[in-house]
PDB file of N, CA and C in Angstrom:
ATOM      1  N   UNK A   1      -9.591  18.188  32.083  1.00  0.00           N
ATOM      2  CA  UNK A   1      -8.585  17.138  31.965  1.00  0.00           C
ATOM      3  C   UNK A   1      -9.037  16.134  30.917  1.00  0.00           C
ATOM      4  N   UNK A   2      -8.148  15.715  30.060  1.00  0.00           N
ATOM      5  CA  UNK A   2      -8.463  14.785  28.987  1.00  0.00           C
ATOM      6  C   UNK A   2      -8.592  13.371  29.531  1.00  0.00           C
ATOM      7  N   UNK A   3      -9.464  12.609  28.911  1.00  0.00           N
ATOM      8  CA  UNK A   3      -9.642  11.206  29.289  1.00  0.00           C
ATOM      9  C   UNK A   3      -8.500  10.405  28.672  1.00  0.00           C
ATOM     10  N   UNK A   4      -7.605   9.880  29.492  1.00  0.00           N
ATOM     11  CA  UNK A   4      -6.429   9.165  29.001  1.00  0.00           C
ATOM     12  C   UNK A   4      -6.756   7.754  28.519  1.00  0.00           C
ATOM     13  N   UNK A   5      -7.959   7.251  28.810  1.00  0.00           N
ATOM     14  CA  UNK A   5      -8.323   5.909  28.357  1.00  0.00           C
ATOM     15  C   UNK A   5      -9.001   5.927  26.998  1.00  0.00           C
ATOM     16  N   UNK A   6      -9.422   7.084  26.542  1.00  0.00           N
ATOM     17  CA  UNK A   6     -10.086   7.181  25.236  1.00  0.00           C
ATOM     18  C   UNK A   6      -9.056   7.005  24.129  1.00  0.00           C
ATOM     19  N   UNK A   7      -9.415   6.304  23.064  1.00  0.00           N
ATOM     20  CA  UNK A   7      -8.467   6.137  21.953  1.00  0.00           C
ATOM     21  C   UNK A   7      -8.212   7.470  21.250  1.00  0.00           C
ATOM     22  N   UNK A   8      -6.955   7.710  20.917  1.00  0.00           N
ATOM     23  CA  UNK A   8      -6.571   8.941  20.232  1.00  0.00           C
ATOM     24  C   UNK A   8      -6.166   8.613  18.803  1.00  0.00           C
ATOM     25  N   UNK A   9      -6.574   9.462  17.900  1.00  0.00           N
ATOM     26  CA  UNK A   9      -6.207   9.262  16.502  1.00  0.00           C
ATOM     27  C   UNK A   9      -4.939  10.040  16.171  1.00  0.00           C
ATOM     28  N   UNK A  10      -4.813  11.242  16.714  1.00  0.00           N
ATOM     29  CA  UNK A  10      -3.652  12.082  16.447  1.00  0.00           C
ATOM     30  C   UNK A  10      -2.700  12.033  17.626  1.00  0.00           C
ATOM     31  N   UNK A  11      -1.411  11.955  17.326  1.00  0.00           N
ATOM     32  CA  UNK A  11      -0.401  11.947  18.370  1.00  0.00           C
ATOM     33  C   UNK A  11      -0.018  13.363  18.769  1.00  0.00           C
ATOM     34  N   UNK A  12       0.922  13.454  19.675  1.00  0.00           N
ATOM     35  CA  UNK A  12       1.402  14.755  20.132  1.00  0.00           C
ATOM     36  C   UNK A  12       2.255  15.393  19.036  1.00  0.00           C
ATOM     37  N   UNK A  13       1.997  16.674  18.724  1.00  0.00           N
ATOM     38  CA  UNK A  13       2.802  17.337  17.698  1.00  0.00           C
ATOM     39  C   UNK A  13       4.224  17.589  18.193  1.00  0.00           C
ATOM     40  N   UNK A  14       5.157  17.559  17.277  1.00  0.00           N
ATOM     41  CA  UNK A  14       6.534  17.892  17.610  1.00  0.00           C
ATOM     42  C   UNK A  14       7.131  18.699  16.471  1.00  0.00           C
ATOM     43  N   UNK A  15       8.157  19.465  16.794  1.00  0.00           N
ATOM     44  CA  UNK A  15       8.777  20.351  15.815  1.00  0.00           C
ATOM     45  C   UNK A  15      10.145  19.815  15.419  1.00  0.00           C
ATOM     46  N   UNK A  16      10.394  19.776  14.111  1.00  0.00           N
ATOM     47  CA  UNK A  16      11.671  19.320  13.585  1.00  0.00           C
ATOM     48  C   UNK A  16      12.664  20.482  13.574  1.00  0.00           C
ATOM     49  N   UNK A  17      13.959  20.207  13.397  1.00  0.00           N
ATOM     50  CA  UNK A  17      14.958  21.290  13.398  1.00  0.00           C
ATOM     51  C   UNK A  17      14.745  22.356  12.325  1.00  0.00           C
ATOM     52  N   UNK A  18      14.083  22.008  11.208  1.00  0.00           N
ATOM     53  CA  UNK A  18      13.869  23.013  10.159  1.00  0.00           C
ATOM     54  C   UNK A  18      12.606  23.837  10.383  1.00  0.00           C
ATOM     55  N   UNK A  19      11.928  23.644  11.533  1.00  0.00           N
ATOM     56  CA  UNK A  19      10.765  24.454  11.867  1.00  0.00           C
ATOM     57  C   UNK A  19       9.432  23.857  11.469  1.00  0.00           C
ATOM     58  N   UNK A  20       9.431  22.662  10.920  1.00  0.00           N
ATOM     59  CA  UNK A  20       8.188  22.000  10.531  1.00  0.00           C
ATOM     60  C   UNK A  20       7.568  21.330  11.748  1.00  0.00           C
ATOM     61  N   UNK A  21       6.278  21.539  11.942  1.00  0.00           N
ATOM     62  CA  UNK A  21       5.549  20.856  13.007  1.00  0.00           C
ATOM     63  C   UNK A  21       4.924  19.608  12.420  1.00  0.00           C
ATOM     64  N   UNK A  22       5.186  18.466  13.021  1.00  0.00           N
ATOM     65  CA  UNK A  22       4.679  17.185  12.531  1.00  0.00           C
ATOM     66  C   UNK A  22       3.642  16.672  13.517  1.00  0.00           C
ATOM     67  N   UNK A  23       2.467  16.298  12.990  1.00  0.00           N
ATOM     68  CA  UNK A  23       1.399  15.728  13.810  1.00  0.00           C
ATOM     69  C   UNK A  23       1.168  14.303  13.322  1.00  0.00           C
ATOM     70  N   UNK A  24       1.634  13.300  14.062  1.00  0.00           N
ATOM     71  CA  UNK A  24       1.468  11.918  13.603  1.00  0.00           C
ATOM     72  C   UNK A  24       0.028  11.437  13.767  1.00  0.00           C
ATOM     73  N   UNK A  25      -0.372  10.546  12.868  1.00  0.00           N
ATOM     74  CA  UNK A  25      -1.674   9.893  12.937  1.00  0.00           C
ATOM     75  C   UNK A  25      -1.412   8.474  13.429  1.00  0.00           C
ATOM     76  N   UNK A  26      -2.103   8.056  14.505  1.00  0.00           N
ATOM     77  CA  UNK A  26      -1.775   6.789  15.148  1.00  0.00           C
ATOM     78  C   UNK A  26      -2.138   5.564  14.330  1.00  0.00           C
ATOM     79  N   UNK A  27      -3.086   5.652  13.412  1.00  0.00           N
ATOM     80  CA  UNK A  27      -3.271   4.551  12.476  1.00  0.00           C
ATOM     81  C   UNK A  27      -2.270   4.784  11.371  1.00  0.00           C
ATOM     82  N   UNK A  28      -1.558   3.768  10.894  1.00  0.00           N
ATOM     83  CA  UNK A  28      -0.425   3.997   9.983  1.00  0.00           C
ATOM     84  C   UNK A  28      -0.853   4.456   8.588  1.00  0.00           C
ATOM     85  N   UNK A  29      -1.348   5.679   8.510  1.00  0.00           N
ATOM     86  CA  UNK A  29      -1.759   6.208   7.223  1.00  0.00           C
ATOM     87  C   UNK A  29      -0.949   7.420   6.807  1.00  0.00           C
ATOM     88  N   UNK A  30      -0.282   8.108   7.748  1.00  0.00           N
ATOM     89  CA  UNK A  30       0.533   9.249   7.385  1.00  0.00           C
ATOM     90  C   UNK A  30       0.652  10.253   8.504  1.00  0.00           C
ATOM     91  N   UNK A  31       1.114  11.464   8.146  1.00  0.00           N
ATOM     92  CA  UNK A  31       1.275  12.555   9.107  1.00  0.00           C
ATOM     93  C   UNK A  31       0.824  13.860   8.461  1.00  0.00           C
ATOM     94  N   UNK A  32       0.458  14.813   9.314  1.00  0.00           N
ATOM     95  CA  UNK A  32       0.244  16.179   8.871  1.00  0.00           C
ATOM     96  C   UNK A  32       1.516  16.945   9.164  1.00  0.00           C
ATOM     97  N   UNK A  33       2.055  17.636   8.170  1.00  0.00           N
ATOM     98  CA  UNK A  33       3.239  18.474   8.361  1.00  0.00           C
ATOM     99  C   UNK A  33       2.803  19.922   8.179  1.00  0.00           C
ATOM    100  N   UNK A  34       3.067  20.761   9.194  1.00  0.00           N
ATOM    101  CA  UNK A  34       2.702  22.170   9.146  1.00  0.00           C
ATOM    102  C   UNK A  34       3.988  22.984   9.017  1.00  0.00           C
ATOM    103  N   UNK A  35       4.107  23.683   7.895  1.00  0.00           N
ATOM    104  CA  UNK A  35       5.291  24.512   7.643  1.00  0.00           C
ATOM    105  C   UNK A  35       4.819  25.869   7.134  1.00  0.00           C
ATOM    106  N   UNK A  36       5.298  26.910   7.737  1.00  0.00           N
ATOM    107  CA  UNK A  36       4.947  28.291   7.366  1.00  0.00           C
ATOM    108  C   UNK A  36       3.433  28.510   7.371  1.00  0.00           C
ATOM    109  N   UNK A  37       2.745  27.896   8.323  1.00  0.00           N
ATOM    110  CA  UNK A  37       1.296  28.075   8.447  1.00  0.00           C
ATOM    111  C   UNK A  37       0.472  27.244   7.472  1.00  0.00           C
ATOM    112  N   UNK A  38       1.104  26.448   6.645  1.00  0.00           N
ATOM    113  CA  UNK A  38       0.402  25.619   5.669  1.00  0.00           C
ATOM    114  C   UNK A  38       0.494  24.155   6.091  1.00  0.00           C
ATOM    115  N   UNK A  39      -0.658  23.484   6.186  1.00  0.00           N
ATOM    116  CA  UNK A  39      -0.684  22.066   6.551  1.00  0.00           C
ATOM    117  C   UNK A  39      -0.653  21.226   5.281  1.00  0.00           C
ATOM    118  N   UNK A  40       0.159  20.193   5.298  1.00  0.00           N
ATOM    119  CA  UNK A  40       0.273  19.296   4.142  1.00  0.00           C
ATOM    120  C   UNK A  40       0.192  17.863   4.638  1.00  0.00           C
ATOM    121  N   UNK A  41      -0.635  17.054   3.986  1.00  0.00           N
ATOM    122  CA  UNK A  41      -0.788  15.637   4.334  1.00  0.00           C
ATOM    123  C   UNK A  41       0.312  14.847   3.654  1.00  0.00           C
ATOM    124  N   UNK A  42       1.040  14.047   4.417  1.00  0.00           N
ATOM    125  CA  UNK A  42       2.102  13.177   3.902  1.00  0.00           C
ATOM    126  C   UNK A  42       1.676  11.734   4.131  1.00  0.00           C
ATOM    127  N   UNK A  43       1.197  11.034   3.099  1.00  0.00           N
ATOM    128  CA  UNK A  43       0.769   9.649   3.299  1.00  0.00           C
ATOM    129  C   UNK A  43       1.949   8.725   3.569  1.00  0.00           C
ATOM    130  N   UNK A  44       1.696   7.693   4.341  1.00  0.00           N
ATOM    131  CA  UNK A  44       2.737   6.711   4.668  1.00  0.00           C
ATOM    132  C   UNK A  44       2.653   5.543   3.693  1.00  0.00           C
ATOM    133  N   UNK A  45       2.831   5.846   2.422  1.00  0.00           N
ATOM    134  CA  UNK A  45       2.772   4.838   1.371  1.00  0.00           C
ATOM    135  C   UNK A  45       4.114   4.806   0.662  1.00  0.00           C
ATOM    136  N   UNK A  46       4.670   3.625   0.537  1.00  0.00           N
ATOM    137  CA  UNK A  46       5.926   3.468  -0.180  1.00  0.00           C
ATOM    138  C   UNK A  46       5.589   3.167  -1.638  1.00  0.00           C
ATOM    139  N   UNK A  47       5.715   4.159  -2.508  1.00  0.00           N
ATOM    140  CA  UNK A  47       5.338   4.004  -3.916  1.00  0.00           C
ATOM    141  C   UNK A  47       6.178   2.935  -4.610  1.00  0.00           C
ATOM    142  N   UNK A  48       7.431   2.790  -4.222  1.00  0.00           N
ATOM    143  CA  UNK A  48       8.286   1.776  -4.835  1.00  0.00           C
ATOM    144  C   UNK A  48       7.769   0.383  -4.517  1.00  0.00           C
ATOM    145  N   UNK A  49       7.357   0.155  -3.291  1.00  0.00           N
ATOM    146  CA  UNK A  49       6.835  -1.153  -2.906  1.00  0.00           C
ATOM    147  C   UNK A  49       5.541  -1.475  -3.654  1.00  0.00           C
ATOM    148  N   UNK A  50       4.670  -0.479  -3.806  1.00  0.00           N
ATOM    149  CA  UNK A  50       3.417  -0.681  -4.536  1.00  0.00           C
ATOM    150  C   UNK A  50       3.711  -1.005  -6.000  1.00  0.00           C
ATOM    151  N   UNK A  51       4.658  -0.302  -6.612  1.00  0.00           N
ATOM    152  CA  UNK A  51       5.002  -0.551  -8.011  1.00  0.00           C
ATOM    153  C   UNK A  51       5.617  -1.935  -8.191  1.00  0.00           C
ATOM    154  N   UNK A  52       6.513  -2.330  -7.305  1.00  0.00           N
ATOM    155  CA  UNK A  52       7.121  -3.657  -7.402  1.00  0.00           C
ATOM    156  C   UNK A  52       6.090  -4.762  -7.205  1.00  0.00           C
ATOM    157  N   UNK A  53       5.135  -4.537  -6.320  1.00  0.00           N
ATOM    158  CA  UNK A  53       4.072  -5.516  -6.130  1.00  0.00           C
ATOM    159  C   UNK A  53       3.249  -5.667  -7.405  1.00  0.00           C
ATOM    160  N   UNK A  54       2.943  -4.562  -8.076  1.00  0.00           N
ATOM    161  CA  UNK A  54       2.200  -4.623  -9.337  1.00  0.00           C
ATOM    162  C   UNK A  54       2.967  -5.359 -10.418  1.00  0.00           C
ATOM    163  N   UNK A  55       4.254  -5.100 -10.522  1.00  0.00           N
ATOM    164  CA  UNK A  55       5.083  -5.788 -11.509  1.00  0.00           C
ATOM    165  C   UNK A  55       5.148  -7.281 -11.197  1.00  0.00           C
ATOM    166  N   UNK A  56       5.315  -7.624  -9.930  1.00  0.00           N
ATOM    167  CA  UNK A  56       5.374  -9.038  -9.537  1.00  0.00           C
ATOM    168  C   UNK A  56       4.085  -9.785  -9.849  1.00  0.00           C
ATOM    169  N   UNK A  57       2.948  -9.165  -9.542  1.00  0.00           N
ATOM    170  CA  UNK A  57       1.662  -9.799  -9.842  1.00  0.00           C
ATOM    171  C   UNK A  57       1.497  -9.974 -11.349  1.00  0.00           C
ATOM    172  N   UNK A  58       1.916  -8.981 -12.123  1.00  0.00           N
ATOM    173  CA  UNK A  58       1.830  -9.093 -13.577  1.00  0.00           C
ATOM    174  C   UNK A  58       2.697 -10.216 -14.131  1.00  0.00           C
ATOM    175  N   UNK A  59       3.914 -10.351 -13.603  1.00  0.00           N
ATOM    176  CA  UNK A  59       4.796 -11.426 -14.061  1.00  0.00           C
ATOM    177  C   UNK A  59       4.246 -12.806 -13.715  1.00  0.00           C
ATOM    178  N   UNK A  60       3.719 -12.948 -12.519  1.00  0.00           N
ATOM    179  CA  UNK A  60       3.127 -14.234 -12.127  1.00  0.00           C
ATOM    180  C   UNK A  60       1.920 -14.550 -12.999  1.00  0.00           C
ATOM    181  N   UNK A  61       1.074 -13.566 -13.259  1.00  0.00           N
ATOM    182  CA  UNK A  61      -0.096 -13.785 -14.104  1.00  0.00           C
ATOM    183  C   UNK A  61       0.317 -14.171 -15.524  1.00  0.00           C
ATOM    184  N   UNK A  62       1.336 -13.513 -16.069  1.00  0.00           N
ATOM    185  CA  UNK A  62       1.804 -13.836 -17.414  1.00  0.00           C
ATOM    186  C   UNK A  62       2.391 -15.247 -17.467  1.00  0.00           C
ATOM    187  N   UNK A  63       3.153 -15.618 -16.434  1.00  0.00           N
ATOM    188  CA  UNK A  63       3.741 -16.961 -16.410  1.00  0.00           C
ATOM    189  C   UNK A  63       2.660 -18.034 -16.305  1.00  0.00           C
ATOM    190  N   UNK A  64       1.687 -17.830 -15.445  1.00  0.00           N
ATOM    191  CA  UNK A  64       0.612 -18.826 -15.310  1.00  0.00           C
ATOM    192  C   UNK A  64      -0.236 -18.923 -16.576  1.00  0.00           C
ATOM    193  N   UNK A  65      -0.461 -17.801 -17.233  1.00  0.00           N
ATOM    194  CA  UNK A  65      -1.208 -17.822 -18.497  1.00  0.00           C
ATOM    195  C   UNK A  65      -0.430 -18.574 -19.569  1.00  0.00           C
ATOM    196  N   UNK A  66       0.869 -18.337 -19.645  1.00  0.00           N
ATOM    197  CA  UNK A  66       1.693 -19.055 -20.625  1.00  0.00           C
ATOM    198  C   UNK A  66       1.714 -20.546 -20.375  1.00  0.00           C
ATOM    199  N   UNK A  67       1.825 -20.943 -19.117  1.00  0.00           N
ATOM    200  CA  UNK A  67       1.815 -22.365 -18.778  1.00  0.00           C
ATOM    201  C   UNK A  67       0.470 -22.985 -19.123  1.00  0.00           C
ATOM    202  N   UNK A  68      -0.619 -22.260 -18.835  1.00  0.00           N
ATOM    203  CA  UNK A  68      -1.957 -22.794 -19.129  1.00  0.00           C
ATOM    204  C   UNK A  68      -2.185 -22.941 -20.628  1.00  0.00           C
ATOM    205  N   UNK A  69      -1.589 -22.077 -21.436  1.00  0.00           N
ATOM    206  CA  UNK A  69      -1.788 -22.158 -22.880  1.00  0.00           C
ATOM    207  C   UNK A  69      -0.967 -23.282 -23.502  1.00  0.00           C
ATOM    208  N   UNK A  70       0.165 -23.610 -22.931  1.00  0.00           N
ATOM    209  CA  UNK A  70       1.046 -24.628 -23.490  1.00  0.00           C
ATOM    210  C   UNK A  70       0.710 -26.018 -22.958  1.00  0.00           C
ATOM    211  N   UNK A  71       0.324 -26.084 -21.705  1.00  0.00           N
ATOM    212  CA  UNK A  71       0.090 -27.373 -21.043  1.00  0.00           C
ATOM    213  C   UNK A  71      -1.226 -27.990 -21.488  1.00  0.00           C
ATOM    214  N   UNK A  72      -1.198 -29.283 -21.808  1.00  0.00           N
ATOM    215  CA  UNK A  72      -2.416 -29.986 -22.186  1.00  0.00           C
ATOM    216  C   UNK A  72      -3.200 -30.285 -20.913  1.00  0.00           C
ATOM    217  N   UNK A  73      -4.520 -30.099 -20.934  1.00  0.00           N
ATOM    218  CA  UNK A  73      -5.307 -30.344 -19.724  1.00  0.00           C
ATOM    219  C   UNK A  73      -5.296 -31.825 -19.341  1.00  0.00           C
ATOM    220  N   UNK A  74      -5.463 -32.138 -18.057  1.00  0.00           N
ATOM    221  CA  UNK A  74      -5.387 -33.528 -17.594  1.00  0.00           C
ATOM    222  C   UNK A  74      -6.620 -34.356 -17.943  1.00  0.00           C
ATOM    223  N   UNK A  75      -7.721 -33.749 -18.382  1.00  0.00           N
ATOM    224  CA  UNK A  75      -8.907 -34.522 -18.723  1.00  0.00           C
ATOM    225  C   UNK A  75      -8.842 -34.974 -20.182  1.00  0.00           C
ATOM    226  N   UNK A  76      -9.605 -36.012 -20.551  1.00  0.00           N
ATOM    227  CA  UNK A  76      -9.539 -36.536 -21.929  1.00  0.00           C
ATOM    228  C   UNK A  76     -10.158 -35.564 -22.929  1.00  0.00           C
ATOM    229  N   UNK A  77      -9.728 -35.726 -24.174  1.00  0.00           N
ATOM    230  CA  UNK A  77     -10.240 -34.910 -25.257  1.00  0.00           C
ATOM    231  C   UNK A  77     -11.630 -35.428 -25.625  1.00  0.00           C
ATOM    232  N   UNK A  78     -12.668 -34.596 -25.496  1.00  0.00           N
ATOM    233  CA  UNK A  78     -14.042 -35.013 -25.731  1.00  0.00           C
ATOM    234  C   UNK A  78     -14.559 -34.594 -27.091  1.00  0.00           C
ATOM    235  N   UNK A  79     -13.721 -34.097 -27.955  1.00  0.00           N
ATOM    236  CA  UNK A  79     -14.165 -33.646 -29.261  1.00  0.00           C
ATOM    237  C   UNK A  79     -14.474 -34.808 -30.218  1.00  0.00           C
ATOM    238  N   UNK A  80     -13.914 -35.923 -29.953  1.00  0.00           N
ATOM    239  CA  UNK A  80     -14.117 -37.068 -30.847  1.00  0.00           C
ATOM    240  C   UNK A  80     -13.169 -37.033 -32.015  1.00  0.00           C
ATOM    241  N   UNK A  81     -13.002 -38.188 -32.677  1.00  0.00           N
ATOM    242  CA  UNK A  81     -12.075 -38.259 -33.802  1.00  0.00           C
ATOM    243  C   UNK A  81     -12.857 -38.474 -35.091  1.00  0.00           C
ATOM    244  N   UNK A  82     -12.399 -37.900 -36.178  1.00  0.00           N
ATOM    245  CA  UNK A  82     -13.069 -38.059 -37.471  1.00  0.00           C
ATOM    246  C   UNK A  82     -12.237 -38.832 -38.428  1.00  0.00           C
TER     247      UNK A  82
END
């Protein structure tokens, strides 16, 4: 008999209508899909979200760099006058 209090990493497998057996992984990283005797790892990563996050970070970095290059610093100019 299995110890029901022990943490499990893999969930109970289930079969989809097209005959694929899906084995969920309880940490949100993905699932194993078994079709025609071949196991394939399907990661739970949304590529669109990752790409949009990269674009957003790039835009914020570009905007802050532009502001820093145009804006005069709040401290006095220490170069001296000639």
